[in-house]
């Protein structure tokens, strides 16, 4: 499981606990963790796409 997925899962748990207990701060922390996880996933995707572009531009004898 990626770091981003772990942050999203942790965030969903925090948000749920916050909603159940009426703790608005915990709920907000959960939403922030989910957003952080989404950003990590997006950054990982950009890195993978950049690697693919680099590989496609390399001469055939370097692949």
PDB file of N, CA and C in Angstrom:
ATOM      1  N   UNK A   1       0.851  -1.172   0.000  1.00  0.00           N
ATOM      2  CA  UNK A   1       0.000   0.000   0.000  1.00  0.00           C
ATOM      3  C   UNK A   1       0.899   1.239   0.000  1.00  0.00           C
ATOM      4  N   UNK A   2       0.582   2.184  -0.848  1.00  0.00           N
ATOM      5  CA  UNK A   2       1.395   3.389  -0.967  1.00  0.00           C
ATOM      6  C   UNK A   2       1.194   4.326   0.225  1.00  0.00           C
ATOM      7  N   UNK A   3       2.125   5.248   0.373  1.00  0.00           N
ATOM      8  CA  UNK A   3       2.012   6.250   1.439  1.00  0.00           C
ATOM      9  C   UNK A   3       0.727   7.062   1.291  1.00  0.00           C
ATOM     10  N   UNK A   4       0.402   7.388   0.063  1.00  0.00           N
ATOM     11  CA  UNK A   4      -0.807   8.172  -0.183  1.00  0.00           C
ATOM     12  C   UNK A   4      -2.060   7.417   0.237  1.00  0.00           C
ATOM     13  N   UNK A   5      -2.105   6.136  -0.073  1.00  0.00           N
ATOM     14  CA  UNK A   5      -3.268   5.327   0.298  1.00  0.00           C
ATOM     15  C   UNK A   5      -3.373   5.195   1.816  1.00  0.00           C
ATOM     16  N   UNK A   6      -2.233   5.079   2.472  1.00  0.00           N
ATOM     17  CA  UNK A   6      -2.241   4.979   3.937  1.00  0.00           C
ATOM     18  C   UNK A   6      -2.769   6.276   4.557  1.00  0.00           C
ATOM     19  N   UNK A   7      -2.334   7.411   4.027  1.00  0.00           N
ATOM     20  CA  UNK A   7      -2.818   8.701   4.533  1.00  0.00           C
ATOM     21  C   UNK A   7      -4.314   8.851   4.316  1.00  0.00           C
ATOM     22  N   UNK A   8      -4.792   8.408   3.156  1.00  0.00           N
ATOM     23  CA  UNK A   8      -6.224   8.494   2.876  1.00  0.00           C
ATOM     24  C   UNK A   8      -7.016   7.631   3.849  1.00  0.00           C
ATOM     25  N   UNK A   9      -6.547   6.421   4.092  1.00  0.00           N
ATOM     26  CA  UNK A   9      -7.230   5.508   5.001  1.00  0.00           C
ATOM     27  C   UNK A   9      -7.241   6.063   6.429  1.00  0.00           C
ATOM     28  N   UNK A  10      -6.085   6.542   6.863  1.00  0.00           N
ATOM     29  CA  UNK A  10      -5.981   7.136   8.198  1.00  0.00           C
ATOM     30  C   UNK A  10      -6.922   8.342   8.308  1.00  0.00           C
ATOM     31  N   UNK A  11      -6.973   9.133   7.261  1.00  0.00           N
ATOM     32  CA  UNK A  11      -7.830  10.308   7.251  1.00  0.00           C
ATOM     33  C   UNK A  11      -9.305   9.960   7.328  1.00  0.00           C
ATOM     34  N   UNK A  12      -9.701   8.920   6.612  1.00  0.00           N
ATOM     35  CA  UNK A  12     -11.108   8.494   6.657  1.00  0.00           C
ATOM     36  C   UNK A  12     -11.486   8.054   8.068  1.00  0.00           C
ATOM     37  N   UNK A  13     -10.563   7.352   8.724  1.00  0.00           N
ATOM     38  CA  UNK A  13     -10.817   6.924  10.100  1.00  0.00           C
ATOM     39  C   UNK A  13     -10.954   8.103  11.043  1.00  0.00           C
ATOM     40  N   UNK A  14     -10.040   9.052  10.936  1.00  0.00           N
ATOM     41  CA  UNK A  14     -10.094  10.246  11.791  1.00  0.00           C
ATOM     42  C   UNK A  14     -11.380  11.035  11.555  1.00  0.00           C
ATOM     43  N   UNK A  15     -11.724  11.178  10.284  1.00  0.00           N
ATOM     44  CA  UNK A  15     -12.928  11.927   9.961  1.00  0.00           C
ATOM     45  C   UNK A  15     -14.161  11.242  10.562  1.00  0.00           C
ATOM     46  N   UNK A  16     -14.228   9.916  10.438  1.00  0.00           N
ATOM     47  CA  UNK A  16     -15.373   9.166  10.976  1.00  0.00           C
ATOM     48  C   UNK A  16     -15.454   9.304  12.494  1.00  0.00           C
ATOM     49  N   UNK A  17     -14.307   9.187  13.168  1.00  0.00           N
ATOM     50  CA  UNK A  17     -14.283   9.333  14.627  1.00  0.00           C
ATOM     51  C   UNK A  17     -14.716  10.747  15.011  1.00  0.00           C
ATOM     52  N   UNK A  18     -14.237  11.721  14.278  1.00  0.00           N
ATOM     53  CA  UNK A  18     -14.614  13.109  14.547  1.00  0.00           C
ATOM     54  C   UNK A  18     -16.109  13.338  14.406  1.00  0.00           C
ATOM     55  N   UNK A  19     -16.699  12.743  13.367  1.00  0.00           N
ATOM     56  CA  UNK A  19     -18.138  12.897  13.161  1.00  0.00           C
ATOM     57  C   UNK A  19     -18.921  12.214  14.277  1.00  0.00           C
ATOM     58  N   UNK A  20     -18.487  11.014  14.668  1.00  0.00           N
ATOM     59  CA  UNK A  20     -19.189  10.272  15.719  1.00  0.00           C
ATOM     60  C   UNK A  20     -19.134  10.969  17.074  1.00  0.00           C
ATOM     61  N   UNK A  21     -17.991  11.574  17.366  1.00  0.00           N
ATOM     62  CA  UNK A  21     -17.809  12.195  18.677  1.00  0.00           C
ATOM     63  C   UNK A  21     -18.141  13.685  18.686  1.00  0.00           C
ATOM     64  N   UNK A  22     -18.394  14.241  17.520  1.00  0.00           N
ATOM     65  CA  UNK A  22     -18.663  15.674  17.438  1.00  0.00           C
ATOM     66  C   UNK A  22     -17.403  16.524  17.543  1.00  0.00           C
ATOM     67  N   UNK A  23     -16.254  15.897  17.332  1.00  0.00           N
ATOM     68  CA  UNK A  23     -14.965  16.594  17.410  1.00  0.00           C
ATOM     69  C   UNK A  23     -14.638  17.162  16.028  1.00  0.00           C
ATOM     70  N   UNK A  24     -14.950  18.444  15.850  1.00  0.00           N
ATOM     71  CA  UNK A  24     -14.755  19.072  14.539  1.00  0.00           C
ATOM     72  C   UNK A  24     -13.284  19.149  14.150  1.00  0.00           C
ATOM     73  N   UNK A  25     -12.425  19.285  15.161  1.00  0.00           N
ATOM     74  CA  UNK A  25     -10.990  19.351  14.868  1.00  0.00           C
ATOM     75  C   UNK A  25     -10.494  18.010  14.314  1.00  0.00           C
ATOM     76  N   UNK A  26     -10.894  16.901  14.927  1.00  0.00           N
ATOM     77  CA  UNK A  26     -10.487  15.571  14.471  1.00  0.00           C
ATOM     78  C   UNK A  26     -11.032  15.315  13.062  1.00  0.00           C
ATOM     79  N   UNK A  27     -12.254  15.758  12.836  1.00  0.00           N
ATOM     80  CA  UNK A  27     -12.862  15.608  11.509  1.00  0.00           C
ATOM     81  C   UNK A  27     -12.052  16.380  10.461  1.00  0.00           C
ATOM     82  N   UNK A  28     -11.648  17.593  10.803  1.00  0.00           N
ATOM     83  CA  UNK A  28     -10.846  18.412   9.880  1.00  0.00           C
ATOM     84  C   UNK A  28      -9.474  17.793   9.650  1.00  0.00           C
ATOM     85  N   UNK A  29      -8.874  17.234  10.708  1.00  0.00           N
ATOM     86  CA  UNK A  29      -7.574  16.557  10.551  1.00  0.00           C
ATOM     87  C   UNK A  29      -7.707  15.387   9.579  1.00  0.00           C
ATOM     88  N   UNK A  30      -8.816  14.664   9.696  1.00  0.00           N
ATOM     89  CA  UNK A  30      -9.053  13.542   8.790  1.00  0.00           C
ATOM     90  C   UNK A  30      -9.150  13.988   7.345  1.00  0.00           C
ATOM     91  N   UNK A  31      -9.859  15.062   7.118  1.00  0.00           N
ATOM     92  CA  UNK A  31      -9.981  15.587   5.753  1.00  0.00           C
ATOM     93  C   UNK A  31      -8.625  16.054   5.230  1.00  0.00           C
ATOM     94  N   UNK A  32      -7.827  16.653   6.106  1.00  0.00           N
ATOM     95  CA  UNK A  32      -6.493  17.107   5.697  1.00  0.00           C
ATOM     96  C   UNK A  32      -5.603  15.919   5.353  1.00  0.00           C
ATOM     97  N   UNK A  33      -5.682  14.849   6.157  1.00  0.00           N
ATOM     98  CA  UNK A  33      -4.889  13.644   5.868  1.00  0.00           C
ATOM     99  C   UNK A  33      -5.284  13.040   4.524  1.00  0.00           C
ATOM    100  N   UNK A  34      -6.582  13.049   4.227  1.00  0.00           N
ATOM    101  CA  UNK A  34      -7.040  12.516   2.951  1.00  0.00           C
ATOM    102  C   UNK A  34      -6.503  13.349   1.785  1.00  0.00           C
ATOM    103  N   UNK A  35      -6.507  14.650   1.957  1.00  0.00           N
ATOM    104  CA  UNK A  35      -5.987  15.539   0.911  1.00  0.00           C
ATOM    105  C   UNK A  35      -4.488  15.318   0.723  1.00  0.00           C
ATOM    106  N   UNK A  36      -3.777  15.140   1.835  1.00  0.00           N
ATOM    107  CA  UNK A  36      -2.338  14.876   1.768  1.00  0.00           C
ATOM    108  C   UNK A  36      -2.081  13.574   1.011  1.00  0.00           C
ATOM    109  N   UNK A  37      -2.888  12.559   1.283  1.00  0.00           N
ATOM    110  CA  UNK A  37      -2.748  11.289   0.581  1.00  0.00           C
ATOM    111  C   UNK A  37      -2.998  11.430  -0.909  1.00  0.00           C
ATOM    112  N   UNK A  38      -3.995  12.208  -1.267  1.00  0.00           N
ATOM    113  CA  UNK A  38      -4.275  12.447  -2.680  1.00  0.00           C
ATOM    114  C   UNK A  38      -3.124  13.164  -3.374  1.00  0.00           C
ATOM    115  N   UNK A  39      -2.523  14.111  -2.673  1.00  0.00           N
ATOM    116  CA  UNK A  39      -1.388  14.845  -3.239  1.00  0.00           C
ATOM    117  C   UNK A  39      -0.191  13.913  -3.437  1.00  0.00           C
ATOM    118  N   UNK A  40       0.047  13.025  -2.474  1.00  0.00           N
ATOM    119  CA  UNK A  40       1.154  12.067  -2.610  1.00  0.00           C
ATOM    120  C   UNK A  40       0.920  11.147  -3.803  1.00  0.00           C
ATOM    121  N   UNK A  41      -0.316  10.659  -3.950  1.00  0.00           N
ATOM    122  CA  UNK A  41      -0.630   9.795  -5.085  1.00  0.00           C
ATOM    123  C   UNK A  41      -0.421  10.527  -6.403  1.00  0.00           C
ATOM    124  N   UNK A  42      -0.840  11.776  -6.463  1.00  0.00           N
ATOM    125  CA  UNK A  42      -0.677  12.566  -7.683  1.00  0.00           C
ATOM    126  C   UNK A  42       0.801  12.781  -7.996  1.00  0.00           C
ATOM    127  N   UNK A  43       1.590  13.062  -6.977  1.00  0.00           N
ATOM    128  CA  UNK A  43       3.026  13.282  -7.186  1.00  0.00           C
ATOM    129  C   UNK A  43       3.696  11.997  -7.669  1.00  0.00           C
ATOM    130  N   UNK A  44       3.298  10.864  -7.122  1.00  0.00           N
ATOM    131  CA  UNK A  44       3.851   9.589  -7.568  1.00  0.00           C
ATOM    132  C   UNK A  44       3.509   9.342  -9.032  1.00  0.00           C
ATOM    133  N   UNK A  45       2.284   9.689  -9.422  1.00  0.00           N
ATOM    134  CA  UNK A  45       1.866   9.510 -10.805  1.00  0.00           C
ATOM    135  C   UNK A  45       2.663  10.373 -11.764  1.00  0.00           C
ATOM    136  N   UNK A  46       2.965  11.591 -11.362  1.00  0.00           N
ATOM    137  CA  UNK A  46       3.761  12.493 -12.203  1.00  0.00           C
ATOM    138  C   UNK A  46       5.163  11.923 -12.388  1.00  0.00           C
ATOM    139  N   UNK A  47       5.740  11.410 -11.307  1.00  0.00           N
ATOM    140  CA  UNK A  47       7.084  10.822 -11.393  1.00  0.00           C
ATOM    141  C   UNK A  47       7.117   9.630 -12.320  1.00  0.00           C
ATOM    142  N   UNK A  48       6.111   8.783 -12.251  1.00  0.00           N
ATOM    143  CA  UNK A  48       6.047   7.612 -13.122  1.00  0.00           C
ATOM    144  C   UNK A  48       5.882   8.026 -14.588  1.00  0.00           C
ATOM    145  N   UNK A  49       5.030   9.026 -14.841  1.00  0.00           N
ATOM    146  CA  UNK A  49       4.845   9.488 -16.217  1.00  0.00           C
ATOM    147  C   UNK A  49       6.128  10.119 -16.754  1.00  0.00           C
ATOM    148  N   UNK A  50       6.834  10.860 -15.923  1.00  0.00           N
ATOM    149  CA  UNK A  50       8.085  11.486 -16.360  1.00  0.00           C
ATOM    150  C   UNK A  50       9.113  10.412 -16.706  1.00  0.00           C
ATOM    151  N   UNK A  51       9.156   9.358 -15.920  1.00  0.00           N
ATOM    152  CA  UNK A  51      10.086   8.260 -16.194  1.00  0.00           C
ATOM    153  C   UNK A  51       9.740   7.612 -17.530  1.00  0.00           C
ATOM    154  N   UNK A  52       8.444   7.446 -17.794  1.00  0.00           N
ATOM    155  CA  UNK A  52       8.009   6.860 -19.056  1.00  0.00           C
ATOM    156  C   UNK A  52       8.397   7.726 -20.242  1.00  0.00           C
ATOM    157  N   UNK A  53       8.266   9.033 -20.108  1.00  0.00           N
ATOM    158  CA  UNK A  53       8.656   9.951 -21.182  1.00  0.00           C
ATOM    159  C   UNK A  53      10.152   9.872 -21.406  1.00  0.00           C
ATOM    160  N   UNK A  54      10.919   9.864 -20.317  1.00  0.00           N
ATOM    161  CA  UNK A  54      12.379   9.776 -20.437  1.00  0.00           C
ATOM    162  C   UNK A  54      12.767   8.490 -21.161  1.00  0.00           C
ATOM    163  N   UNK A  55      12.141   7.381 -20.776  1.00  0.00           N
ATOM    164  CA  UNK A  55      12.454   6.107 -21.411  1.00  0.00           C
ATOM    165  C   UNK A  55      12.084   6.113 -22.895  1.00  0.00           C
ATOM    166  N   UNK A  56      10.985   6.765 -23.232  1.00  0.00           N
ATOM    167  CA  UNK A  56      10.562   6.773 -24.633  1.00  0.00           C
ATOM    168  C   UNK A  56      11.457   7.654 -25.485  1.00  0.00           C
ATOM    169  N   UNK A  57      12.138   8.608 -24.878  1.00  0.00           N
ATOM    170  CA  UNK A  57      13.023   9.502 -25.627  1.00  0.00           C
ATOM    171  C   UNK A  57      14.444   8.968 -25.754  1.00  0.00           C
ATOM    172  N   UNK A  58      14.786   7.945 -24.981  1.00  0.00           N
ATOM    173  CA  UNK A  58      16.141   7.395 -25.017  1.00  0.00           C
ATOM    174  C   UNK A  58      16.351   6.651 -26.329  1.00  0.00           C
ATOM    175  N   UNK A  59      17.562   6.722 -26.858  1.00  0.00           N
ATOM    176  CA  UNK A  59      17.857   5.973 -28.074  1.00  0.00           C
ATOM    177  C   UNK A  59      17.651   4.470 -27.846  1.00  0.00           C
ATOM    178  N   UNK A  60      17.334   3.745 -28.907  1.00  0.00           N
ATOM    179  CA  UNK A  60      17.037   2.313 -28.789  1.00  0.00           C
ATOM    180  C   UNK A  60      18.188   1.525 -28.183  1.00  0.00           C
ATOM    181  N   UNK A  61      19.425   1.938 -28.429  1.00  0.00           N
ATOM    182  CA  UNK A  61      20.559   1.183 -27.895  1.00  0.00           C
ATOM    183  C   UNK A  61      20.764   1.417 -26.390  1.00  0.00           C
ATOM    184  N   UNK A  62      20.062   2.392 -25.778  1.00  0.00           N
ATOM    185  CA  UNK A  62      20.171   2.649 -24.355  1.00  0.00           C
ATOM    186  C   UNK A  62      19.005   2.054 -23.576  1.00  0.00           C
ATOM    187  N   UNK A  63      18.056   1.451 -24.241  1.00  0.00           N
ATOM    188  CA  UNK A  63      16.876   0.888 -23.567  1.00  0.00           C
ATOM    189  C   UNK A  63      17.148  -0.494 -23.055  1.00  0.00           C
TER     190      UNK A  63
END
